[in-house]
Protein backbone atom coordinates (compact mmCIF):
# COMPACT_ATOMS: atom_id res chain seq x y z
CA MET A 1 108.14 -72.08 150.21
CA CYS A 2 104.74 -73.34 149.02
CA GLU A 3 103.21 -72.37 152.36
CA ALA A 4 104.46 -68.79 151.99
CA ILE A 5 103.14 -68.57 148.42
CA ASN A 6 99.77 -69.91 149.54
CA ARG A 7 99.56 -67.31 152.33
CA ILE A 8 100.40 -64.50 149.92
CA TYR A 9 97.89 -65.80 147.37
CA ASN A 10 95.13 -66.22 149.96
CA SER A 11 95.82 -62.76 151.33
CA GLY A 12 95.45 -61.31 147.83
CA VAL A 13 92.22 -63.22 147.26
CA GLU A 14 90.75 -61.95 150.52
CA GLU A 15 91.79 -58.38 149.74
CA GLY A 16 90.20 -58.68 146.31
CA LYS A 17 86.96 -59.95 147.82
CA LYS A 18 86.84 -57.03 150.27
CA GLU A 19 87.45 -54.51 147.48
CA GLY A 20 84.83 -56.13 145.25
CA LYS A 21 82.27 -56.10 148.03
CA LYS A 22 82.95 -52.43 148.73
CA GLU A 23 82.60 -51.53 145.04
CA GLY A 24 79.37 -53.54 144.77
CA GLU A 25 77.88 -51.81 147.80
CA GLU A 26 78.77 -48.39 146.39
CA LYS A 27 77.29 -49.30 143.02
CA LEU A 28 74.04 -50.52 144.57
CA GLY A 29 73.92 -47.45 146.81
CA ASN A 30 74.18 -45.17 143.79
CA LEU A 31 71.38 -47.04 142.06
CA ILE A 32 69.10 -47.02 145.10
CA LYS A 33 69.58 -43.23 145.33
CA LYS A 34 68.90 -42.58 141.66
CA LEU A 35 65.77 -44.68 141.24
CA PRO A 36 63.62 -42.88 143.86
CA ASP A 37 64.96 -39.53 142.64
CA ALA A 38 63.51 -40.50 139.25
CA GLY A 39 60.18 -41.39 140.91
CA ARG A 40 60.76 -45.11 140.48
CA ILE A 41 60.16 -46.48 143.96
CA GLU A 42 58.90 -49.87 142.74
CA ASP A 43 62.00 -50.24 140.57
CA ALA A 44 64.19 -49.53 143.60
CA ALA A 45 62.45 -52.36 145.46
CA ASN A 46 62.98 -54.69 142.50
CA ALA A 47 66.65 -53.69 142.27
CA ALA A 48 67.11 -54.51 145.94
CA LYS A 49 65.65 -58.00 145.41
CA TYR A 50 66.73 -59.16 141.95
CA ALA A 51 70.13 -59.09 140.22
CA SER A 52 68.49 -59.05 136.77
CA TYR A 53 66.80 -55.74 137.57
CA ARG A 54 70.02 -54.32 138.99
CA ARG A 55 71.92 -55.13 135.80
CA LYS A 56 69.20 -53.51 133.69
CA TYR A 57 69.14 -50.34 135.80
CA TYR A 58 72.95 -50.11 136.04
CA THR A 59 73.00 -49.92 132.27
CA GLU A 60 70.08 -47.51 132.07
CA PHE A 61 71.57 -45.12 134.64
CA GLN A 62 75.13 -45.64 133.34
CA ILE A 63 76.47 -46.89 136.67
CA SER A 64 79.64 -48.94 136.36
């Protein structure tokens, strides 16, 4: 019984990781499109490198 519960739990964790990764990639993609459109090429480079910049720009561009 414990083995079955562990498999179900682990399957759910893996599925959650995949979904989170997909959402993160989409979020970053949106940001990387918006920054150059706003003439902010250097900011796009910073967003690609540093999480602190990404968080700042997500808020600024209202990307959630």
